[in-house]
Amino acid sequence: MTRLPDPIKDGLTAPVNEEALARMWRRIEARERPPRRERTRLWSVTSLIAAAAVLVVVWGIGRRDRGPLRFADGRPLSAVEAPAAGEVLSLSDGSTVDLSGGARLEPLESSGTSFVAALERGSAHFEVRPGGPRRWEIECGLATVEVVGTGFDCQRAPGRLHVAVEHGAVLVRGERVPERARRLAAGESLDVLEAASPAGETPDQAPPRPAAPAEAAEAAEAAEPAAPAAPTGETNAWRELARGGHHHEAFAALGAQGFSREAHRRGVADLFLLADVARLSGHAADAVAPLERILSRFPGDPQASLAALALGRLELDDLHRPAEAAVALNQALDLGVPRSLREDVRARLVEAYARAGNRPAERAAAEAYVREFPAGRDLSTALSHMR
């Protein structure tokens, strides 16, 4: 057995100097770490995998969100009456509704493309998920609020509705809204008031006044043969129900014959109301007749363009007839739809032609949108339809 020197350290010598040791460590690190080009390639692959995973998740959410809107826990939607402390409703698409104490919200329609609810009383703050697949409509008695993705408040009080937009934009529609429709952007608000009639008068008993062009046309209809008039009580019943947001009850009060009779004998304001009653009670096809009646009998009325717009939206969103929708939307432009709504009409026209498969008209409509609204909110979508 070989005897080790004492002390042992005197028998040990450094196998390499410091410089050689440094070179050794550099070679080891080079073997463990891939070259810069390889590291870049690995990073790119990792990024693509992560992005694909996100897309899969988003696609899965979209797949799950195609059916009717539900509560976040999967329960079907139902009417909610908030307790005194209020209540926050979380929905399956990520939207929320914050109800004030005593407020009541009743769902009227829910599908993969639309959600309609009635705020029957009280106040509510709506946070609608931007870019969602559904068009939202909130019936508030004196007006309807339409939205795609935004945050807004609705406050109902006797004879008054207050709508305020926190972010995004909404469209407020109703016979008591100026020009029957008003677009509100972030920071804007609108008060809709119930017009009070002089004491002792009903809408059918108001004193005579100079006839407007639309009323003159309506008076000319009196000479035409018409179906027997309904009793005054029945007529007022459906009106009051509709103005209170009870569209199912209003349609039931009229019945099929009563609806047809009223659509033939009423003026512009009531024809709009009849269209809302039909559409919001689940009878979308019946809403076509009152709107077409406005366009055929009262084309010179200031609200005729809004009837064409409403008809276009109805054909596109509810009846899924894009070719007919394009005809109505073009008519809205020809009749001079208010400037605040022209961009919406132009964008919906592009969508209608695309869904109808009319490629030349789709491209032309997109070009018209870009010319008129070069900085519009749907510019990128319009440009994609021009390719």
Protein backbone atom coordinates (compact mmCIF):
# COMPACT_ATOMS: atom_id res chain seq x y z
CA MET A 1 0.00 0.00 0.00
CA THR A 2 1.49 3.35 -1.04
CA ARG A 3 1.97 5.80 1.79
CA LEU A 4 0.53 9.26 1.21
CA PRO A 5 2.78 12.24 1.83
CA ASP A 6 2.28 14.20 5.00
CA PRO A 7 0.77 16.73 4.74
CA ILE A 8 -1.36 15.42 1.85
CA LYS A 9 -1.72 18.85 0.19
CA ASP A 10 2.00 18.81 -0.60
CA GLY A 11 1.43 15.81 -2.86
CA LEU A 12 -1.44 17.38 -4.82
CA THR A 13 -0.90 19.52 -7.89
CA ALA A 14 -3.50 21.60 -9.81
CA PRO A 15 -4.40 19.67 -12.96
CA VAL A 16 -4.94 22.91 -14.89
CA ASN A 17 -4.37 26.58 -14.36
CA GLU A 18 -7.16 29.16 -13.91
CA GLU A 19 -7.39 30.00 -17.61
CA ALA A 20 -7.78 26.35 -18.58
CA LEU A 21 -10.47 25.91 -15.90
CA ALA A 22 -12.41 28.87 -17.30
CA ARG A 23 -12.26 27.38 -20.80
CA MET A 24 -13.52 24.08 -19.39
CA TRP A 25 -16.56 25.72 -17.79
CA ARG A 26 -17.35 27.63 -20.98
CA ARG A 27 -17.38 24.36 -22.94
CA ILE A 28 -19.68 22.78 -20.33
CA GLU A 29 -22.09 25.72 -20.49
CA ALA A 30 -22.03 25.62 -24.29
CA ARG A 31 -23.11 21.99 -24.22
CA GLU A 32 -25.93 22.70 -21.71
CA ARG A 33 -27.30 25.85 -23.40
CA PRO A 34 -28.40 25.72 -27.06
CA PRO A 35 -27.03 28.32 -29.47
CA ARG A 36 -28.82 31.69 -29.73
CA ARG A 37 -30.54 30.65 -32.95
CA GLU A 38 -31.77 27.46 -31.29
CA ARG A 39 -32.96 29.40 -28.22
CA THR A 40 -34.91 31.77 -30.49
CA ARG A 41 -36.48 28.82 -32.29
CA LEU A 42 -37.47 27.21 -28.99
CA TRP A 43 -38.98 30.50 -27.74
CA SER A 44 -41.01 30.86 -30.95
CA VAL A 45 -42.33 27.32 -30.69
CA THR A 46 -43.23 27.86 -27.03
CA SER A 47 -45.04 31.10 -27.88
CA LEU A 48 -47.00 29.43 -30.66
CA ILE A 49 -48.04 26.60 -28.35
CA ALA A 50 -49.18 29.10 -25.71
CA ALA A 51 -51.11 31.13 -28.29
CA ALA A 52 -52.75 27.97 -29.62
CA ALA A 53 -53.78 27.03 -26.10
CA VAL A 54 -55.40 30.43 -25.62
CA LEU A 55 -57.24 30.08 -28.92
CA VAL A 56 -58.50 26.66 -27.91
CA VAL A 57 -59.82 28.08 -24.64
CA VAL A 58 -61.48 31.04 -26.38
CA TRP A 59 -62.94 28.74 -29.03
CA GLY A 60 -64.26 26.48 -26.31
CA ILE A 61 -65.88 29.41 -24.53
CA GLY A 62 -67.44 30.52 -27.79
CA ARG A 63 -68.75 27.01 -28.37
CA ARG A 64 -70.27 26.90 -24.91
CA ASP A 65 -71.80 30.37 -25.33
CA ARG A 66 -73.77 29.60 -28.48
CA GLY A 67 -76.99 28.60 -26.77
CA PRO A 68 -79.39 30.62 -24.64
CA LEU A 69 -77.88 32.93 -22.05
CA ARG A 70 -77.89 31.46 -18.54
CA PHE A 71 -76.85 32.37 -15.04
CA ALA A 72 -73.14 31.86 -14.43
CA ASP A 73 -73.82 28.68 -12.40
CA GLY A 74 -75.66 27.11 -15.37
CA ARG A 75 -79.24 27.68 -14.21
CA PRO A 76 -81.79 28.83 -16.84
CA LEU A 77 -82.65 32.51 -16.65
CA SER A 78 -85.74 33.48 -14.73
CA ALA A 79 -87.33 36.64 -13.36
CA VAL A 80 -85.41 38.20 -10.47
CA GLU A 81 -86.76 40.57 -7.85
CA ALA A 82 -83.85 42.04 -5.91
CA PRO A 83 -84.00 42.20 -2.10
CA ALA A 84 -83.71 45.51 -0.26
CA ALA A 85 -79.91 45.32 -0.32
CA GLY A 86 -79.85 44.81 -4.10
CA GLU A 87 -78.49 41.86 -6.05
CA VAL A 88 -75.77 41.27 -8.65
CA LEU A 89 -76.59 38.76 -11.39
CA SER A 90 -73.63 37.01 -13.04
CA LEU A 91 -74.38 35.57 -16.48
CA SER A 92 -72.82 32.78 -18.49
CA ASP A 93 -71.22 35.10 -21.07
CA GLY A 94 -69.35 37.10 -18.43
CA SER A 95 -71.88 39.95 -18.32
CA THR A 96 -73.36 41.22 -15.05
CA VAL A 97 -76.52 43.04 -14.00
CA ASP A 98 -76.46 45.00 -10.72
CA LEU A 99 -80.05 45.45 -9.53
CA SER A 100 -80.97 48.07 -6.96
CA GLY A 101 -83.14 47.14 -3.99
CA GLY A 102 -86.64 46.18 -5.11
CA ALA A 103 -85.78 46.22 -8.84
CA ARG A 104 -87.32 43.51 -11.00
CA LEU A 105 -85.79 42.10 -14.19
CA GLU A 106 -87.68 39.58 -16.33
CA PRO A 107 -86.03 37.77 -19.27
CA LEU A 108 -88.25 37.80 -22.36
CA GLU A 109 -86.08 36.10 -24.97
CA SER A 110 -82.70 34.37 -24.94
CA SER A 111 -80.85 32.68 -27.79
CA GLY A 112 -77.36 32.42 -29.22
CA THR A 113 -77.78 35.74 -31.04
CA SER A 114 -80.07 37.88 -28.89
CA PHE A 115 -81.13 38.55 -25.32
CA VAL A 116 -84.21 40.59 -24.43
CA ALA A 117 -85.26 41.45 -20.89
CA ALA A 118 -87.67 43.86 -19.24
CA LEU A 119 -86.63 46.09 -16.37
CA GLU A 120 -90.10 46.27 -14.87
CA ARG A 121 -89.22 48.60 -12.01
CA GLY A 122 -86.28 50.07 -10.16
CA SER A 123 -82.75 50.70 -11.37
CA ALA A 124 -80.04 48.50 -12.78
CA HIS A 125 -76.46 48.80 -14.00
CA PHE A 126 -75.64 46.56 -16.96
CA GLU A 127 -72.12 45.44 -17.85
CA VAL A 128 -72.45 43.64 -21.18
CA ARG A 129 -69.40 41.70 -22.31
CA PRO A 130 -67.88 43.48 -25.34
CA GLY A 131 -67.70 41.44 -28.51
CA GLY A 132 -70.25 38.91 -27.32
CA PRO A 133 -72.41 37.03 -29.83
CA ARG A 134 -75.73 38.47 -28.67
CA ARG A 135 -77.56 41.70 -29.30
CA TRP A 136 -79.00 42.89 -25.98
CA GLU A 137 -82.29 44.76 -25.64
CA ILE A 138 -83.60 46.04 -22.33
CA GLU A 139 -87.25 47.06 -22.29
CA CYS A 140 -87.78 49.91 -19.85
CA GLY A 141 -91.41 50.83 -20.44
CA LEU A 142 -90.95 54.27 -21.97
CA ALA A 143 -88.10 53.16 -24.24
CA THR A 144 -85.95 50.23 -25.38
CA VAL A 145 -82.17 50.23 -24.90
CA GLU A 146 -80.17 48.24 -27.47
CA VAL A 147 -76.53 47.37 -26.93
CA VAL A 148 -73.75 45.00 -28.07
CA GLY A 149 -71.08 45.56 -25.40
CA THR A 150 -71.01 48.40 -22.90
CA GLY A 151 -71.77 49.59 -19.38
CA PHE A 152 -74.90 51.62 -18.78
CA ASP A 153 -77.56 52.49 -16.21
CA CYS A 154 -81.35 52.37 -16.50
CA GLN A 155 -83.44 54.04 -13.80
CA ARG A 156 -87.22 53.70 -13.92
CA ALA A 157 -89.54 55.98 -12.00
CA PRO A 158 -93.24 56.80 -12.46
CA GLY A 159 -93.52 58.65 -15.77
CA ARG A 160 -89.75 58.86 -16.24
CA LEU A 161 -86.80 56.84 -17.52
CA HIS A 162 -83.15 57.86 -17.16
CA VAL A 163 -80.48 56.15 -19.29
CA ALA A 164 -76.78 56.92 -18.73
CA VAL A 165 -73.82 55.34 -20.57
CA GLU A 166 -70.61 54.71 -18.64
CA HIS A 167 -68.60 53.30 -21.54
CA GLY A 168 -69.38 52.04 -25.03
CA ALA A 169 -72.60 53.13 -26.75
CA VAL A 170 -76.31 52.27 -26.76
CA LEU A 171 -79.31 53.00 -28.94
CA VAL A 172 -82.43 54.23 -27.12
CA ARG A 173 -85.68 53.70 -29.06
CA GLY A 174 -89.26 54.61 -28.30
CA GLU A 175 -92.16 56.79 -29.34
CA ARG A 176 -91.25 59.33 -26.63
CA VAL A 177 -87.57 59.49 -27.61
CA PRO A 178 -86.69 62.52 -29.79
CA GLU A 179 -86.90 61.37 -33.44
CA ARG A 180 -87.86 57.98 -31.94
CA ALA A 181 -84.22 56.96 -31.65
CA ARG A 182 -81.14 58.43 -29.98
CA ARG A 183 -77.60 57.05 -29.89
CA LEU A 184 -75.76 57.65 -26.60
CA ALA A 185 -71.98 57.41 -26.28
CA ALA A 186 -69.82 57.22 -23.15
CA GLY A 187 -70.62 60.00 -20.69
CA GLU A 188 -73.97 60.84 -22.30
CA SER A 189 -77.42 60.40 -20.78
CA LEU A 190 -81.05 60.81 -21.74
CA ASP A 191 -84.29 61.38 -19.82
CA VAL A 192 -87.46 60.00 -21.40
CA LEU A 193 -90.66 61.44 -19.97
CA GLU A 194 -94.21 60.21 -20.30
CA ALA A 195 -96.27 62.85 -22.11
CA ALA A 196 -99.26 63.77 -19.98
CA SER A 197 -102.57 64.43 -21.73
CA PRO A 198 -104.84 67.23 -20.51
CA ALA A 199 -107.25 66.11 -17.79
CA GLY A 200 -110.26 64.22 -18.99
CA GLU A 201 -108.85 63.41 -22.44
CA THR A 202 -107.78 60.07 -23.85
CA PRO A 203 -105.55 59.59 -26.89
CA ASP A 204 -108.68 58.93 -28.98
CA GLN A 205 -110.49 62.05 -27.69
CA ALA A 206 -107.85 64.80 -28.08
CA PRO A 207 -109.15 68.09 -29.53
CA PRO A 208 -108.67 68.72 -33.27
CA ARG A 209 -105.45 70.40 -34.43
CA PRO A 210 -103.86 71.15 -37.82
CA ALA A 211 -103.03 67.90 -39.57
CA ALA A 212 -99.39 67.03 -40.25
CA PRO A 213 -98.53 65.36 -43.61
CA ALA A 214 -98.56 61.89 -42.04
CA GLU A 215 -101.88 62.58 -40.35
CA ALA A 216 -103.37 63.83 -43.62
CA ALA A 217 -102.41 60.54 -45.24
CA GLU A 218 -103.90 58.70 -42.29
CA ALA A 219 -107.13 60.68 -42.62
CA ALA A 220 -107.32 59.73 -46.29
CA GLU A 221 -107.39 56.08 -45.19
CA ALA A 222 -110.71 56.71 -43.44
CA ALA A 223 -112.43 56.59 -46.82
CA GLU A 224 -111.14 53.06 -47.41
CA PRO A 225 -113.21 50.07 -46.30
CA ALA A 226 -111.81 48.84 -43.00
CA ALA A 227 -112.44 46.08 -40.53
CA PRO A 228 -114.91 46.89 -37.74
CA ALA A 229 -113.30 48.98 -35.03
CA ALA A 230 -112.52 47.40 -31.71
CA PRO A 231 -114.17 48.71 -28.55
CA THR A 232 -112.28 51.63 -27.02
CA GLY A 233 -111.52 49.70 -23.85
CA GLU A 234 -109.89 46.86 -25.82
CA THR A 235 -107.85 49.35 -27.86
CA ASN A 236 -106.54 51.13 -24.80
CA ALA A 237 -105.85 47.84 -23.03
CA TRP A 238 -103.19 46.61 -25.47
CA ARG A 239 -101.64 50.09 -25.62
CA GLU A 240 -101.26 50.37 -21.87
CA LEU A 241 -99.89 46.87 -21.60
CA ALA A 242 -97.35 47.55 -24.34
CA ARG A 243 -96.24 50.85 -22.86
CA GLY A 244 -95.71 49.11 -19.56
CA GLY A 245 -93.42 46.55 -21.19
CA HIS A 246 -95.98 43.69 -21.02
CA HIS A 247 -95.72 42.68 -24.67
CA HIS A 248 -96.88 39.09 -24.30
CA GLU A 249 -100.04 40.27 -22.57
CA ALA A 250 -100.57 43.02 -25.16
CA PHE A 251 -100.35 40.54 -28.05
CA ALA A 252 -102.72 38.17 -26.28
CA ALA A 253 -105.18 41.01 -25.66
CA LEU A 254 -105.24 41.80 -29.38
CA GLY A 255 -105.30 38.29 -30.79
CA ALA A 256 -104.39 37.59 -34.42
CA GLN A 257 -107.47 39.34 -35.84
CA GLY A 258 -107.16 42.31 -33.53
CA PHE A 259 -103.50 42.73 -34.41
CA SER A 260 -104.27 42.73 -38.13
CA ARG A 261 -107.14 45.17 -37.63
CA GLU A 262 -105.01 47.61 -35.60
CA ALA A 263 -102.15 47.38 -38.11
CA HIS A 264 -104.57 48.47 -40.85
CA ARG A 265 -106.20 51.39 -39.10
CA ARG A 266 -103.51 52.95 -36.90
CA GLY A 267 -101.04 55.79 -37.42
CA VAL A 268 -97.26 55.84 -37.31
CA ALA A 269 -96.76 55.86 -33.52
CA ASP A 270 -99.13 52.95 -32.92
CA LEU A 271 -97.68 50.99 -35.83
CA PHE A 272 -94.24 51.21 -34.22
CA LEU A 273 -95.78 50.06 -30.96
CA LEU A 274 -97.51 47.15 -32.67
CA ALA A 275 -94.22 46.07 -34.24
CA ASP A 276 -92.59 46.07 -30.80
CA VAL A 277 -95.47 44.08 -29.34
CA ALA A 278 -95.14 41.38 -32.00
CA ARG A 279 -91.35 41.14 -31.95
CA LEU A 280 -90.94 41.17 -28.19
CA SER A 281 -93.72 38.67 -27.58
CA GLY A 282 -92.03 36.09 -29.81
CA HIS A 283 -94.00 36.82 -33.00
CA ALA A 284 -91.24 38.40 -35.08
CA ALA A 285 -92.89 37.61 -38.43
CA ASP A 286 -95.99 39.58 -37.39
CA ALA A 287 -93.85 42.67 -36.77
CA VAL A 288 -93.16 43.00 -40.50
CA ALA A 289 -96.67 44.17 -41.45
CA PRO A 290 -96.84 47.29 -39.21
CA LEU A 291 -93.39 48.45 -40.35
CA GLU A 292 -94.18 47.86 -44.02
CA ARG A 293 -97.45 49.73 -43.47
CA ILE A 294 -95.50 52.79 -42.34
CA LEU A 295 -93.28 52.64 -45.42
CA SER A 296 -96.16 52.18 -47.86
CA ARG A 297 -98.72 54.59 -46.35
CA PHE A 298 -96.51 57.21 -44.70
CA PRO A 299 -93.26 57.41 -46.72
CA GLY A 300 -93.04 61.16 -46.14
CA ASP A 301 -93.24 60.89 -42.34
CA PRO A 302 -90.02 61.96 -40.55
CA GLN A 303 -89.93 58.56 -38.83
CA ALA A 304 -90.27 56.48 -42.00
CA SER A 305 -86.50 55.99 -42.20
CA LEU A 306 -86.54 54.55 -38.67
CA ALA A 307 -89.26 52.12 -39.72
CA ALA A 308 -87.02 50.96 -42.58
CA LEU A 309 -84.09 50.57 -40.18
CA ALA A 310 -86.25 48.60 -37.72
CA LEU A 311 -87.45 46.39 -40.57
CA GLY A 312 -83.88 45.78 -41.72
CA ARG A 313 -82.76 44.76 -38.24
CA LEU A 314 -85.82 42.54 -37.86
CA GLU A 315 -85.17 40.76 -41.16
CA LEU A 316 -81.47 40.31 -40.41
CA ASP A 317 -81.44 39.41 -36.71
CA ASP A 318 -84.80 37.79 -36.02
CA LEU A 319 -86.03 36.37 -39.33
CA HIS A 320 -82.58 35.62 -40.81
CA ARG A 321 -83.50 36.95 -44.26
CA PRO A 322 -80.41 38.97 -45.21
CA ALA A 323 -81.51 39.77 -48.77
CA GLU A 324 -84.75 41.35 -47.51
CA ALA A 325 -82.77 43.11 -44.78
CA ALA A 326 -80.50 44.72 -47.38
CA VAL A 327 -83.53 46.12 -49.24
CA ALA A 328 -84.90 47.69 -46.04
CA LEU A 329 -81.52 49.10 -44.96
CA ASN A 330 -81.01 50.72 -48.35
CA GLN A 331 -84.47 52.21 -48.01
CA ALA A 332 -83.48 53.65 -44.62
CA LEU A 333 -80.55 55.43 -46.29
CA ASP A 334 -82.74 56.69 -49.13
CA LEU A 335 -85.31 58.07 -46.68
CA GLY A 336 -82.64 60.00 -44.77
CA VAL A 337 -82.02 58.07 -41.58
CA PRO A 338 -80.67 60.43 -38.85
CA ARG A 339 -76.95 61.09 -39.07
CA SER A 340 -76.31 59.50 -35.67
CA LEU A 341 -77.57 56.18 -37.06
CA ARG A 342 -76.08 56.21 -40.57
CA GLU A 343 -72.89 54.46 -39.53
CA ASP A 344 -74.88 51.64 -37.95
CA VAL A 345 -76.97 51.29 -41.12
CA ARG A 346 -73.87 51.21 -43.34
CA ALA A 347 -72.24 48.54 -41.17
CA ARG A 348 -75.38 46.39 -41.03
CA LEU A 349 -75.72 46.68 -44.82
CA VAL A 350 -72.25 45.17 -45.25
CA GLU A 351 -73.25 42.34 -42.90
CA ALA A 352 -76.53 41.74 -44.75
CA TYR A 353 -74.88 41.39 -48.15
CA ALA A 354 -72.16 39.15 -46.70
CA ARG A 355 -74.72 36.83 -45.14
CA ALA A 356 -76.75 36.81 -48.37
CA GLY A 357 -73.65 35.71 -50.29
CA ASN A 358 -73.81 38.73 -52.62
CA ARG A 359 -70.07 39.35 -52.93
CA PRO A 360 -70.13 42.35 -55.35
CA ALA A 361 -72.76 44.15 -53.26
CA GLU A 362 -70.87 43.27 -50.06
CA ARG A 363 -67.67 44.86 -51.43
CA ALA A 364 -69.54 47.94 -52.68
CA ALA A 365 -71.27 48.40 -49.31
CA ALA A 366 -67.93 48.11 -47.50
CA GLU A 367 -66.38 50.70 -49.81
CA ALA A 368 -69.33 53.04 -49.15
CA TYR A 369 -68.81 52.63 -45.40
CA VAL A 370 -65.08 53.45 -45.66
CA ARG A 371 -65.76 56.53 -47.83
CA GLU A 372 -68.37 57.93 -45.46
CA PHE A 373 -66.71 56.88 -42.18
CA PRO A 374 -62.92 56.67 -42.74
CA ALA A 375 -62.36 56.59 -38.99
CA GLY A 376 -65.49 54.62 -38.09
CA ARG A 377 -65.65 52.14 -35.25
CA ASP A 378 -66.27 49.27 -37.74
CA LEU A 379 -63.53 50.34 -40.14
CA SER A 380 -61.38 47.22 -39.74
CA THR A 381 -64.41 44.99 -40.36
CA ALA A 382 -65.38 46.96 -43.46
CA LEU A 383 -61.83 46.75 -44.83
CA SER A 384 -61.85 42.97 -44.37
CA HIS A 385 -64.96 42.77 -46.58
CA MET A 386 -63.19 44.68 -49.36
CA ARG A 387 -60.49 42.03 -49.88
